[in-house]
Amino acid sequence: KYAYYLDKLVDILAQPAKEYNLSSP
């Protein structure tokens, strides 16, 4: 399970910045 959620965390981080949908520091 740890490996699965680590993979999912990396998938989110690997997105283009615009896909984060953030606008603040």
mmCIF file of all heavy atoms, coordinates in Angstrom:
data_MODEL
# 
_entry.id   MODEL 
# 
loop_
_atom_site.group_PDB 
_atom_site.id 
_atom_site.type_symbol 
_atom_site.label_atom_id 
_atom_site.label_alt_id 
_atom_site.label_comp_id 
_atom_site.label_asym_id 
_atom_site.label_entity_id 
_atom_site.label_seq_id 
_atom_site.pdbx_PDB_ins_code 
_atom_site.Cartn_x 
_atom_site.Cartn_y 
_atom_site.Cartn_z 
_atom_site.occupancy 
_atom_site.B_iso_or_equiv 
_atom_site.pdbx_formal_charge 
_atom_site.auth_seq_id 
_atom_site.auth_comp_id 
_atom_site.auth_asym_id 
_atom_site.auth_atom_id 
_atom_site.pdbx_PDB_model_num 
ATOM 1   N N   . LYS A 1 1  ? 0.840  -1.207 0.000   1.00 0.00 ? 1  LYS A N   1 
ATOM 2   C CA  . LYS A 1 1  ? 0.000  0.000  0.000   1.00 0.00 ? 1  LYS A CA  1 
ATOM 3   C C   . LYS A 1 1  ? 0.873  1.254  0.000   1.00 0.00 ? 1  LYS A C   1 
ATOM 4   O O   . LYS A 1 1  ? 0.552  2.248  -0.657  1.00 0.00 ? 1  LYS A O   1 
ATOM 5   C CB  . LYS A 1 1  ? -0.949 -0.013 1.191   1.00 0.00 ? 1  LYS A CB  1 
ATOM 6   C CG  . LYS A 1 1  ? -2.107 -1.002 1.042   1.00 0.00 ? 1  LYS A CG  1 
ATOM 7   C CD  . LYS A 1 1  ? -3.150 -0.810 2.120   1.00 0.00 ? 1  LYS A CD  1 
ATOM 8   C CE  . LYS A 1 1  ? -4.314 -1.784 1.927   1.00 0.00 ? 1  LYS A CE  1 
ATOM 9   N NZ  . LYS A 1 1  ? -5.098 -1.482 0.704   1.00 0.00 ? 1  LYS A NZ  1 
ATOM 10  N N   . TYR A 1 2  ? 1.974  1.208  0.748   1.00 0.00 ? 2  TYR A N   1 
ATOM 11  C CA  . TYR A 1 2  ? 2.882  2.351  0.765   1.00 0.00 ? 2  TYR A CA  1 
ATOM 12  C C   . TYR A 1 2  ? 3.409  2.634  -0.637  1.00 0.00 ? 2  TYR A C   1 
ATOM 13  O O   . TYR A 1 2  ? 3.426  3.792  -1.096  1.00 0.00 ? 2  TYR A O   1 
ATOM 14  C CB  . TYR A 1 2  ? 4.049  2.091  1.719   1.00 0.00 ? 2  TYR A CB  1 
ATOM 15  C CG  . TYR A 1 2  ? 4.980  3.270  1.869   1.00 0.00 ? 2  TYR A CG  1 
ATOM 16  C CD1 . TYR A 1 2  ? 4.679  4.300  2.753   1.00 0.00 ? 2  TYR A CD1 1 
ATOM 17  C CD2 . TYR A 1 2  ? 6.153  3.362  1.124   1.00 0.00 ? 2  TYR A CD2 1 
ATOM 18  C CE1 . TYR A 1 2  ? 5.526  5.393  2.892   1.00 0.00 ? 2  TYR A CE1 1 
ATOM 19  C CE2 . TYR A 1 2  ? 7.003  4.444  1.252   1.00 0.00 ? 2  TYR A CE2 1 
ATOM 20  C CZ  . TYR A 1 2  ? 6.685  5.465  2.142   1.00 0.00 ? 2  TYR A CZ  1 
ATOM 21  O OH  . TYR A 1 2  ? 7.524  6.542  2.261   1.00 0.00 ? 2  TYR A OH  1 
ATOM 22  N N   . ALA A 1 3  ? 3.815  1.593  -1.338  1.00 0.00 ? 3  ALA A N   1 
ATOM 23  C CA  . ALA A 1 3  ? 4.342  1.755  -2.697  1.00 0.00 ? 3  ALA A CA  1 
ATOM 24  C C   . ALA A 1 3  ? 3.274  2.305  -3.637  1.00 0.00 ? 3  ALA A C   1 
ATOM 25  O O   . ALA A 1 3  ? 3.564  3.139  -4.505  1.00 0.00 ? 3  ALA A O   1 
ATOM 26  C CB  . ALA A 1 3  ? 4.874  0.416  -3.210  1.00 0.00 ? 3  ALA A CB  1 
ATOM 27  N N   . TYR A 1 4  ? 2.040  1.849  -3.453  1.00 0.00 ? 4  TYR A N   1 
ATOM 28  C CA  . TYR A 1 4  ? 0.942  2.331  -4.301  1.00 0.00 ? 4  TYR A CA  1 
ATOM 29  C C   . TYR A 1 4  ? 0.743  3.833  -4.120  1.00 0.00 ? 4  TYR A C   1 
ATOM 30  O O   . TYR A 1 4  ? 0.664  4.582  -5.115  1.00 0.00 ? 4  TYR A O   1 
ATOM 31  C CB  . TYR A 1 4  ? -0.350 1.586  -3.962  1.00 0.00 ? 4  TYR A CB  1 
ATOM 32  C CG  . TYR A 1 4  ? -1.572 2.156  -4.637  1.00 0.00 ? 4  TYR A CG  1 
ATOM 33  C CD1 . TYR A 1 4  ? -1.854 1.865  -5.971  1.00 0.00 ? 4  TYR A CD1 1 
ATOM 34  C CD2 . TYR A 1 4  ? -2.443 3.008  -3.948  1.00 0.00 ? 4  TYR A CD2 1 
ATOM 35  C CE1 . TYR A 1 4  ? -2.975 2.411  -6.605  1.00 0.00 ? 4  TYR A CE1 1 
ATOM 36  C CE2 . TYR A 1 4  ? -3.559 3.555  -4.569  1.00 0.00 ? 4  TYR A CE2 1 
ATOM 37  C CZ  . TYR A 1 4  ? -3.818 3.251  -5.890  1.00 0.00 ? 4  TYR A CZ  1 
ATOM 38  O OH  . TYR A 1 4  ? -4.919 3.799  -6.507  1.00 0.00 ? 4  TYR A OH  1 
ATOM 39  N N   . TYR A 1 5  ? 0.661  4.289  -2.868  1.00 0.00 ? 5  TYR A N   1 
ATOM 40  C CA  . TYR A 1 5  ? 0.408  5.719  -2.645  1.00 0.00 ? 5  TYR A CA  1 
ATOM 41  C C   . TYR A 1 5  ? 1.636  6.569  -2.959  1.00 0.00 ? 5  TYR A C   1 
ATOM 42  O O   . TYR A 1 5  ? 1.495  7.736  -3.352  1.00 0.00 ? 5  TYR A O   1 
ATOM 43  C CB  . TYR A 1 5  ? -0.095 5.938  -1.216  1.00 0.00 ? 5  TYR A CB  1 
ATOM 44  C CG  . TYR A 1 5  ? -1.527 5.476  -1.081  1.00 0.00 ? 5  TYR A CG  1 
ATOM 45  C CD1 . TYR A 1 5  ? -1.854 4.325  -0.369  1.00 0.00 ? 5  TYR A CD1 1 
ATOM 46  C CD2 . TYR A 1 5  ? -2.555 6.147  -1.733  1.00 0.00 ? 5  TYR A CD2 1 
ATOM 47  C CE1 . TYR A 1 5  ? -3.163 3.873  -0.287  1.00 0.00 ? 5  TYR A CE1 1 
ATOM 48  C CE2 . TYR A 1 5  ? -3.867 5.706  -1.668  1.00 0.00 ? 5  TYR A CE2 1 
ATOM 49  C CZ  . TYR A 1 5  ? -4.161 4.570  -0.944  1.00 0.00 ? 5  TYR A CZ  1 
ATOM 50  O OH  . TYR A 1 5  ? -5.456 4.134  -0.891  1.00 0.00 ? 5  TYR A OH  1 
ATOM 51  N N   . LEU A 1 6  ? 2.818  5.995  -2.833  1.00 0.00 ? 6  LEU A N   1 
ATOM 52  C CA  . LEU A 1 6  ? 4.016  6.697  -3.300  1.00 0.00 ? 6  LEU A CA  1 
ATOM 53  C C   . LEU A 1 6  ? 3.940  6.926  -4.806  1.00 0.00 ? 6  LEU A C   1 
ATOM 54  O O   . LEU A 1 6  ? 4.226  8.030  -5.304  1.00 0.00 ? 6  LEU A O   1 
ATOM 55  C CB  . LEU A 1 6  ? 5.268  5.889  -2.939  1.00 0.00 ? 6  LEU A CB  1 
ATOM 56  C CG  . LEU A 1 6  ? 6.605  6.400  -3.477  1.00 0.00 ? 6  LEU A CG  1 
ATOM 57  C CD1 . LEU A 1 6  ? 6.890  7.820  -3.004  1.00 0.00 ? 6  LEU A CD1 1 
ATOM 58  C CD2 . LEU A 1 6  ? 7.737  5.460  -3.057  1.00 0.00 ? 6  LEU A CD2 1 
ATOM 59  N N   . ASP A 1 7  ? 3.534  5.904  -5.542  1.00 0.00 ? 7  ASP A N   1 
ATOM 60  C CA  . ASP A 1 7  ? 3.373  6.052  -6.991  1.00 0.00 ? 7  ASP A CA  1 
ATOM 61  C C   . ASP A 1 7  ? 2.344  7.134  -7.322  1.00 0.00 ? 7  ASP A C   1 
ATOM 62  O O   . ASP A 1 7  ? 2.552  7.941  -8.242  1.00 0.00 ? 7  ASP A O   1 
ATOM 63  C CB  . ASP A 1 7  ? 2.919  4.726  -7.616  1.00 0.00 ? 7  ASP A CB  1 
ATOM 64  C CG  . ASP A 1 7  ? 4.024  3.683  -7.671  1.00 0.00 ? 7  ASP A CG  1 
ATOM 65  O OD1 . ASP A 1 7  ? 5.204  4.048  -7.495  1.00 0.00 ? 7  ASP A OD1 1 
ATOM 66  O OD2 . ASP A 1 7  ? 3.703  2.493  -7.877  1.00 0.00 ? 7  ASP A OD2 1 
ATOM 67  N N   . LYS A 1 8  ? 1.231  7.152  -6.578  1.00 0.00 ? 8  LYS A N   1 
ATOM 68  C CA  . LYS A 1 8  ? 0.182  8.134  -6.845  1.00 0.00 ? 8  LYS A CA  1 
ATOM 69  C C   . LYS A 1 8  ? 0.648  9.542  -6.510  1.00 0.00 ? 8  LYS A C   1 
ATOM 70  O O   . LYS A 1 8  ? 0.274  10.516 -7.185  1.00 0.00 ? 8  LYS A O   1 
ATOM 71  C CB  . LYS A 1 8  ? -1.086 7.785  -6.061  1.00 0.00 ? 8  LYS A CB  1 
ATOM 72  C CG  . LYS A 1 8  ? -1.756 6.499  -6.545  1.00 0.00 ? 8  LYS A CG  1 
ATOM 73  C CD  . LYS A 1 8  ? -2.055 6.587  -8.034  1.00 0.00 ? 8  LYS A CD  1 
ATOM 74  C CE  . LYS A 1 8  ? -2.543 5.301  -8.627  1.00 0.00 ? 8  LYS A CE  1 
ATOM 75  N NZ  . LYS A 1 8  ? -2.714 5.381  -10.104 1.00 0.00 ? 8  LYS A NZ  1 
ATOM 76  N N   . LEU A 1 9  ? 1.464  9.682  -5.472  1.00 0.00 ? 9  LEU A N   1 
ATOM 77  C CA  . LEU A 1 9  ? 2.029  10.982 -5.133  1.00 0.00 ? 9  LEU A CA  1 
ATOM 78  C C   . LEU A 1 9  ? 2.935  11.478 -6.254  1.00 0.00 ? 9  LEU A C   1 
ATOM 79  O O   . LEU A 1 9  ? 2.876  12.646 -6.665  1.00 0.00 ? 9  LEU A O   1 
ATOM 80  C CB  . LEU A 1 9  ? 2.801  10.879 -3.818  1.00 0.00 ? 9  LEU A CB  1 
ATOM 81  C CG  . LEU A 1 9  ? 3.434  12.176 -3.314  1.00 0.00 ? 9  LEU A CG  1 
ATOM 82  C CD1 . LEU A 1 9  ? 2.959  12.478 -1.889  1.00 0.00 ? 9  LEU A CD1 1 
ATOM 83  C CD2 . LEU A 1 9  ? 4.950  12.105 -3.318  1.00 0.00 ? 9  LEU A CD2 1 
ATOM 84  N N   . VAL A 1 10 ? 3.767  10.586 -6.780  1.00 0.00 ? 10 VAL A N   1 
ATOM 85  C CA  . VAL A 1 10 ? 4.673  10.950 -7.872  1.00 0.00 ? 10 VAL A CA  1 
ATOM 86  C C   . VAL A 1 10 ? 3.881  11.331 -9.123  1.00 0.00 ? 10 VAL A C   1 
ATOM 87  O O   . VAL A 1 10 ? 4.236  12.290 -9.827  1.00 0.00 ? 10 VAL A O   1 
ATOM 88  C CB  . VAL A 1 10 ? 5.650  9.790  -8.165  1.00 0.00 ? 10 VAL A CB  1 
ATOM 89  C CG1 . VAL A 1 10 ? 6.466  10.084 -9.428  1.00 0.00 ? 10 VAL A CG1 1 
ATOM 90  C CG2 . VAL A 1 10 ? 6.574  9.568  -6.973  1.00 0.00 ? 10 VAL A CG2 1 
ATOM 91  N N   . ASP A 1 11 ? 2.799  10.616 -9.386  1.00 0.00 ? 11 ASP A N   1 
ATOM 92  C CA  . ASP A 1 11 ? 1.960  10.950 -10.551 1.00 0.00 ? 11 ASP A CA  1 
ATOM 93  C C   . ASP A 1 11 ? 1.428  12.378 -10.459 1.00 0.00 ? 11 ASP A C   1 
ATOM 94  O O   . ASP A 1 11 ? 1.391  13.102 -11.464 1.00 0.00 ? 11 ASP A O   1 
ATOM 95  C CB  . ASP A 1 11 ? 0.782  9.977  -10.648 1.00 0.00 ? 11 ASP A CB  1 
ATOM 96  C CG  . ASP A 1 11 ? 1.198  8.581  -11.084 1.00 0.00 ? 11 ASP A CG  1 
ATOM 97  O OD1 . ASP A 1 11 ? 2.302  8.434  -11.646 1.00 0.00 ? 11 ASP A OD1 1 
ATOM 98  O OD2 . ASP A 1 11 ? 0.420  7.636  -10.840 1.00 0.00 ? 11 ASP A OD2 1 
ATOM 99  N N   . ILE A 1 12 ? 1.002  12.778 -9.263  1.00 0.00 ? 12 ILE A N   1 
ATOM 100 C CA  . ILE A 1 12 ? 0.489  14.146 -9.082  1.00 0.00 ? 12 ILE A CA  1 
ATOM 101 C C   . ILE A 1 12 ? 1.609  15.155 -9.284  1.00 0.00 ? 12 ILE A C   1 
ATOM 102 O O   . ILE A 1 12 ? 1.450  16.163 -9.995  1.00 0.00 ? 12 ILE A O   1 
ATOM 103 C CB  . ILE A 1 12 ? -0.140 14.312 -7.679  1.00 0.00 ? 12 ILE A CB  1 
ATOM 104 C CG1 . ILE A 1 12 ? -1.342 13.382 -7.511  1.00 0.00 ? 12 ILE A CG1 1 
ATOM 105 C CG2 . ILE A 1 12 ? -0.557 15.765 -7.451  1.00 0.00 ? 12 ILE A CG2 1 
ATOM 106 C CD1 . ILE A 1 12 ? -1.847 13.278 -6.083  1.00 0.00 ? 12 ILE A CD1 1 
ATOM 107 N N   . LEU A 1 13 ? 2.772  14.892 -8.692  1.00 0.00 ? 13 LEU A N   1 
ATOM 108 C CA  . LEU A 1 13 ? 3.894  15.818 -8.790  1.00 0.00 ? 13 LEU A CA  1 
ATOM 109 C C   . LEU A 1 13 ? 4.410  15.960 -10.217 1.00 0.00 ? 13 LEU A C   1 
ATOM 110 O O   . LEU A 1 13 ? 4.898  17.032 -10.608 1.00 0.00 ? 13 LEU A O   1 
ATOM 111 C CB  . LEU A 1 13 ? 5.044  15.335 -7.887  1.00 0.00 ? 13 LEU A CB  1 
ATOM 112 C CG  . LEU A 1 13 ? 4.802  15.401 -6.383  1.00 0.00 ? 13 LEU A CG  1 
ATOM 113 C CD1 . LEU A 1 13 ? 5.915  14.677 -5.642  1.00 0.00 ? 13 LEU A CD1 1 
ATOM 114 C CD2 . LEU A 1 13 ? 4.702  16.848 -5.907  1.00 0.00 ? 13 LEU A CD2 1 
ATOM 115 N N   . ALA A 1 14 ? 4.293  14.899 -11.009 1.00 0.00 ? 14 ALA A N   1 
ATOM 116 C CA  . ALA A 1 14 ? 4.854  14.894 -12.361 1.00 0.00 ? 14 ALA A CA  1 
ATOM 117 C C   . ALA A 1 14 ? 4.017  15.679 -13.359 1.00 0.00 ? 14 ALA A C   1 
ATOM 118 O O   . ALA A 1 14 ? 4.433  15.869 -14.507 1.00 0.00 ? 14 ALA A O   1 
ATOM 119 C CB  . ALA A 1 14 ? 5.016  13.448 -12.836 1.00 0.00 ? 14 ALA A CB  1 
ATOM 120 N N   . GLN A 1 15 ? 2.874  16.172 -12.941 1.00 0.00 ? 15 GLN A N   1 
ATOM 121 C CA  . GLN A 1 15 ? 2.000  16.917 -13.847 1.00 0.00 ? 15 GLN A CA  1 
ATOM 122 C C   . GLN A 1 15 ? 2.597  18.286 -14.215 1.00 0.00 ? 15 GLN A C   1 
ATOM 123 O O   . GLN A 1 15 ? 3.397  18.847 -13.465 1.00 0.00 ? 15 GLN A O   1 
ATOM 124 C CB  . GLN A 1 15 ? 0.637  17.157 -13.188 1.00 0.00 ? 15 GLN A CB  1 
ATOM 125 C CG  . GLN A 1 15 ? -0.167 15.914 -12.890 1.00 0.00 ? 15 GLN A CG  1 
ATOM 126 C CD  . GLN A 1 15 ? -1.475 16.281 -12.208 1.00 0.00 ? 15 GLN A CD  1 
ATOM 127 O OE1 . GLN A 1 15 ? -2.543 16.231 -12.806 1.00 0.00 ? 15 GLN A OE1 1 
ATOM 128 N NE2 . GLN A 1 15 ? -1.383 16.656 -10.938 1.00 0.00 ? 15 GLN A NE2 1 
ATOM 129 N N   . PRO A 1 16 ? 2.160  18.854 -15.341 1.00 0.00 ? 16 PRO A N   1 
ATOM 130 C CA  . PRO A 1 16 ? 2.500  20.253 -15.628 1.00 0.00 ? 16 PRO A CA  1 
ATOM 131 C C   . PRO A 1 16 ? 1.995  21.152 -14.503 1.00 0.00 ? 16 PRO A C   1 
ATOM 132 O O   . PRO A 1 16 ? 0.976  20.848 -13.873 1.00 0.00 ? 16 PRO A O   1 
ATOM 133 C CB  . PRO A 1 16 ? 1.752  20.529 -16.938 1.00 0.00 ? 16 PRO A CB  1 
ATOM 134 C CG  . PRO A 1 16 ? 1.530  19.183 -17.550 1.00 0.00 ? 16 PRO A CG  1 
ATOM 135 C CD  . PRO A 1 16 ? 1.358  18.236 -16.420 1.00 0.00 ? 16 PRO A CD  1 
ATOM 136 N N   . ALA A 1 17 ? 2.673  22.240 -14.261 1.00 0.00 ? 17 ALA A N   1 
ATOM 137 C CA  . ALA A 1 17 ? 2.326  23.112 -13.134 1.00 0.00 ? 17 ALA A CA  1 
ATOM 138 C C   . ALA A 1 17 ? 0.879  23.580 -13.192 1.00 0.00 ? 17 ALA A C   1 
ATOM 139 O O   . ALA A 1 17 ? 0.219  23.700 -12.154 1.00 0.00 ? 17 ALA A O   1 
ATOM 140 C CB  . ALA A 1 17 ? 3.279  24.305 -13.101 1.00 0.00 ? 17 ALA A CB  1 
ATOM 141 N N   . LYS A 1 18 ? 0.371  23.837 -14.384 1.00 0.00 ? 18 LYS A N   1 
ATOM 142 C CA  . LYS A 1 18 ? -1.003 24.335 -14.490 1.00 0.00 ? 18 LYS A CA  1 
ATOM 143 C C   . LYS A 1 18 ? -2.014 23.319 -13.980 1.00 0.00 ? 18 LYS A C   1 
ATOM 144 O O   . LYS A 1 18 ? -3.110 23.683 -13.536 1.00 0.00 ? 18 LYS A O   1 
ATOM 145 C CB  . LYS A 1 18 ? -1.334 24.733 -15.924 1.00 0.00 ? 18 LYS A CB  1 
ATOM 146 C CG  . LYS A 1 18 ? -1.365 23.574 -16.911 1.00 0.00 ? 18 LYS A CG  1 
ATOM 147 C CD  . LYS A 1 18 ? -1.751 24.037 -18.305 1.00 0.00 ? 18 LYS A CD  1 
ATOM 148 C CE  . LYS A 1 18 ? -1.848 22.858 -19.287 1.00 0.00 ? 18 LYS A CE  1 
ATOM 149 N NZ  . LYS A 1 18 ? -2.257 23.303 -20.634 1.00 0.00 ? 18 LYS A NZ  1 
ATOM 150 N N   . GLU A 1 19 ? -1.665 22.028 -14.019 1.00 0.00 ? 19 GLU A N   1 
ATOM 151 C CA  . GLU A 1 19 ? -2.573 20.987 -13.550 1.00 0.00 ? 19 GLU A CA  1 
ATOM 152 C C   . GLU A 1 19 ? -2.668 20.941 -12.033 1.00 0.00 ? 19 GLU A C   1 
ATOM 153 O O   . GLU A 1 19 ? -3.577 20.332 -11.477 1.00 0.00 ? 19 GLU A O   1 
ATOM 154 C CB  . GLU A 1 19 ? -2.141 19.620 -14.083 1.00 0.00 ? 19 GLU A CB  1 
ATOM 155 C CG  . GLU A 1 19 ? -2.196 19.499 -15.594 1.00 0.00 ? 19 GLU A CG  1 
ATOM 156 C CD  . GLU A 1 19 ? -3.599 19.686 -16.153 1.00 0.00 ? 19 GLU A CD  1 
ATOM 157 O OE1 . GLU A 1 19 ? -4.570 19.309 -15.463 1.00 0.00 ? 19 GLU A OE1 1 
ATOM 158 O OE2 . GLU A 1 19 ? -3.723 20.216 -17.280 1.00 0.00 ? 19 GLU A OE2 1 
ATOM 159 N N   . TYR A 1 20 ? -1.719 21.577 -11.346 1.00 0.00 ? 20 TYR A N   1 
ATOM 160 C CA  . TYR A 1 20 ? -1.814 21.670 -9.886  1.00 0.00 ? 20 TYR A CA  1 
ATOM 161 C C   . TYR A 1 20 ? -2.999 22.546 -9.471  1.00 0.00 ? 20 TYR A C   1 
ATOM 162 O O   . TYR A 1 20 ? -3.505 22.426 -8.361  1.00 0.00 ? 20 TYR A O   1 
ATOM 163 C CB  . TYR A 1 20 ? -0.543 22.280 -9.298  1.00 0.00 ? 20 TYR A CB  1 
ATOM 164 C CG  . TYR A 1 20 ? 0.713  21.442 -9.358  1.00 0.00 ? 20 TYR A CG  1 
ATOM 165 C CD1 . TYR A 1 20 ? 1.920  21.980 -8.923  1.00 0.00 ? 20 TYR A CD1 1 
ATOM 166 C CD2 . TYR A 1 20 ? 0.716  20.135 -9.842  1.00 0.00 ? 20 TYR A CD2 1 
ATOM 167 C CE1 . TYR A 1 20 ? 3.099  21.255 -8.957  1.00 0.00 ? 20 TYR A CE1 1 
ATOM 168 C CE2 . TYR A 1 20 ? 1.888  19.401 -9.889  1.00 0.00 ? 20 TYR A CE2 1 
ATOM 169 C CZ  . TYR A 1 20 ? 3.081  19.958 -9.448  1.00 0.00 ? 20 TYR A CZ  1 
ATOM 170 O OH  . TYR A 1 20 ? 4.249  19.238 -9.492  1.00 0.00 ? 20 TYR A OH  1 
ATOM 171 N N   . ASN A 1 21 ? -3.363 23.477 -10.349 1.00 0.00 ? 21 ASN A N   1 
ATOM 172 C CA  . ASN A 1 21 ? -4.468 24.401 -10.086 1.00 0.00 ? 21 ASN A CA  1 
ATOM 173 C C   . ASN A 1 21 ? -4.220 25.228 -8.818  1.00 0.00 ? 21 ASN A C   1 
ATOM 174 O O   . ASN A 1 21 ? -5.096 25.375 -7.965  1.00 0.00 ? 21 ASN A O   1 
ATOM 175 C CB  . ASN A 1 21 ? -5.798 23.636 -9.984  1.00 0.00 ? 21 ASN A CB  1 
ATOM 176 C CG  . ASN A 1 21 ? -7.012 24.549 -10.108 1.00 0.00 ? 21 ASN A CG  1 
ATOM 177 O OD1 . ASN A 1 21 ? -6.933 25.617 -10.705 1.00 0.00 ? 21 ASN A OD1 1 
ATOM 178 N ND2 . ASN A 1 21 ? -8.129 24.130 -9.538  1.00 0.00 ? 21 ASN A ND2 1 
ATOM 179 N N   . LEU A 1 22 ? -3.025 25.765 -8.710  1.00 0.00 ? 22 LEU A N   1 
ATOM 180 C CA  . LEU A 1 22 ? -2.630 26.595 -7.567  1.00 0.00 ? 22 LEU A CA  1 
ATOM 181 C C   . LEU A 1 22 ? -2.218 27.973 -8.073  1.00 0.00 ? 22 LEU A C   1 
ATOM 182 O O   . LEU A 1 22 ? -1.744 28.114 -9.197  1.00 0.00 ? 22 LEU A O   1 
ATOM 183 C CB  . LEU A 1 22 ? -1.463 25.953 -6.817  1.00 0.00 ? 22 LEU A CB  1 
ATOM 184 C CG  . LEU A 1 22 ? -1.696 24.551 -6.258  1.00 0.00 ? 22 LEU A CG  1 
ATOM 185 C CD1 . LEU A 1 22 ? -0.392 23.958 -5.739  1.00 0.00 ? 22 LEU A CD1 1 
ATOM 186 C CD2 . LEU A 1 22 ? -2.743 24.576 -5.147  1.00 0.00 ? 22 LEU A CD2 1 
ATOM 187 N N   . SER A 1 23 ? -2.369 28.985 -7.223  1.00 0.00 ? 23 SER A N   1 
ATOM 188 C CA  . SER A 1 23 ? -2.031 30.344 -7.651  1.00 0.00 ? 23 SER A CA  1 
ATOM 189 C C   . SER A 1 23 ? -1.309 31.147 -6.577  1.00 0.00 ? 23 SER A C   1 
ATOM 190 O O   . SER A 1 23 ? -1.115 32.342 -6.722  1.00 0.00 ? 23 SER A O   1 
ATOM 191 C CB  . SER A 1 23 ? -3.306 31.100 -8.054  1.00 0.00 ? 23 SER A CB  1 
ATOM 192 O OG  . SER A 1 23 ? -4.213 31.158 -6.965  1.00 0.00 ? 23 SER A OG  1 
ATOM 193 N N   . SER A 1 24 ? -0.899 30.491 -5.509  1.00 0.00 ? 24 SER A N   1 
ATOM 194 C CA  . SER A 1 24 ? -0.332 31.194 -4.366  1.00 0.00 ? 24 SER A CA  1 
ATOM 195 C C   . SER A 1 24 ? 0.937  30.475 -3.911  1.00 0.00 ? 24 SER A C   1 
ATOM 196 O O   . SER A 1 24 ? 1.092  29.274 -4.146  1.00 0.00 ? 24 SER A O   1 
ATOM 197 C CB  . SER A 1 24 ? -1.365 31.228 -3.228  1.00 0.00 ? 24 SER A CB  1 
ATOM 198 O OG  . SER A 1 24 ? -0.774 31.595 -2.012  1.00 0.00 ? 24 SER A OG  1 
ATOM 199 N N   . PRO A 1 25 ? 1.829  31.178 -3.218  1.00 0.00 ? 25 PRO A N   1 
ATOM 200 C CA  . PRO A 1 25 ? 3.040  30.509 -2.719  1.00 0.00 ? 25 PRO A CA  1 
ATOM 201 C C   . PRO A 1 25 ? 2.857  29.863 -1.349  1.00 0.00 ? 25 PRO A C   1 
ATOM 202 O O   . PRO A 1 25 ? 3.769  29.194 -0.869  1.00 0.00 ? 25 PRO A O   1 
ATOM 203 C CB  . PRO A 1 25 ? 4.040  31.664 -2.623  1.00 0.00 ? 25 PRO A CB  1 
ATOM 204 C CG  . PRO A 1 25 ? 3.189  32.845 -2.256  1.00 0.00 ? 25 PRO A CG  1 
ATOM 205 C CD  . PRO A 1 25 ? 1.890  32.642 -3.006  1.00 0.00 ? 25 PRO A CD  1 
# 
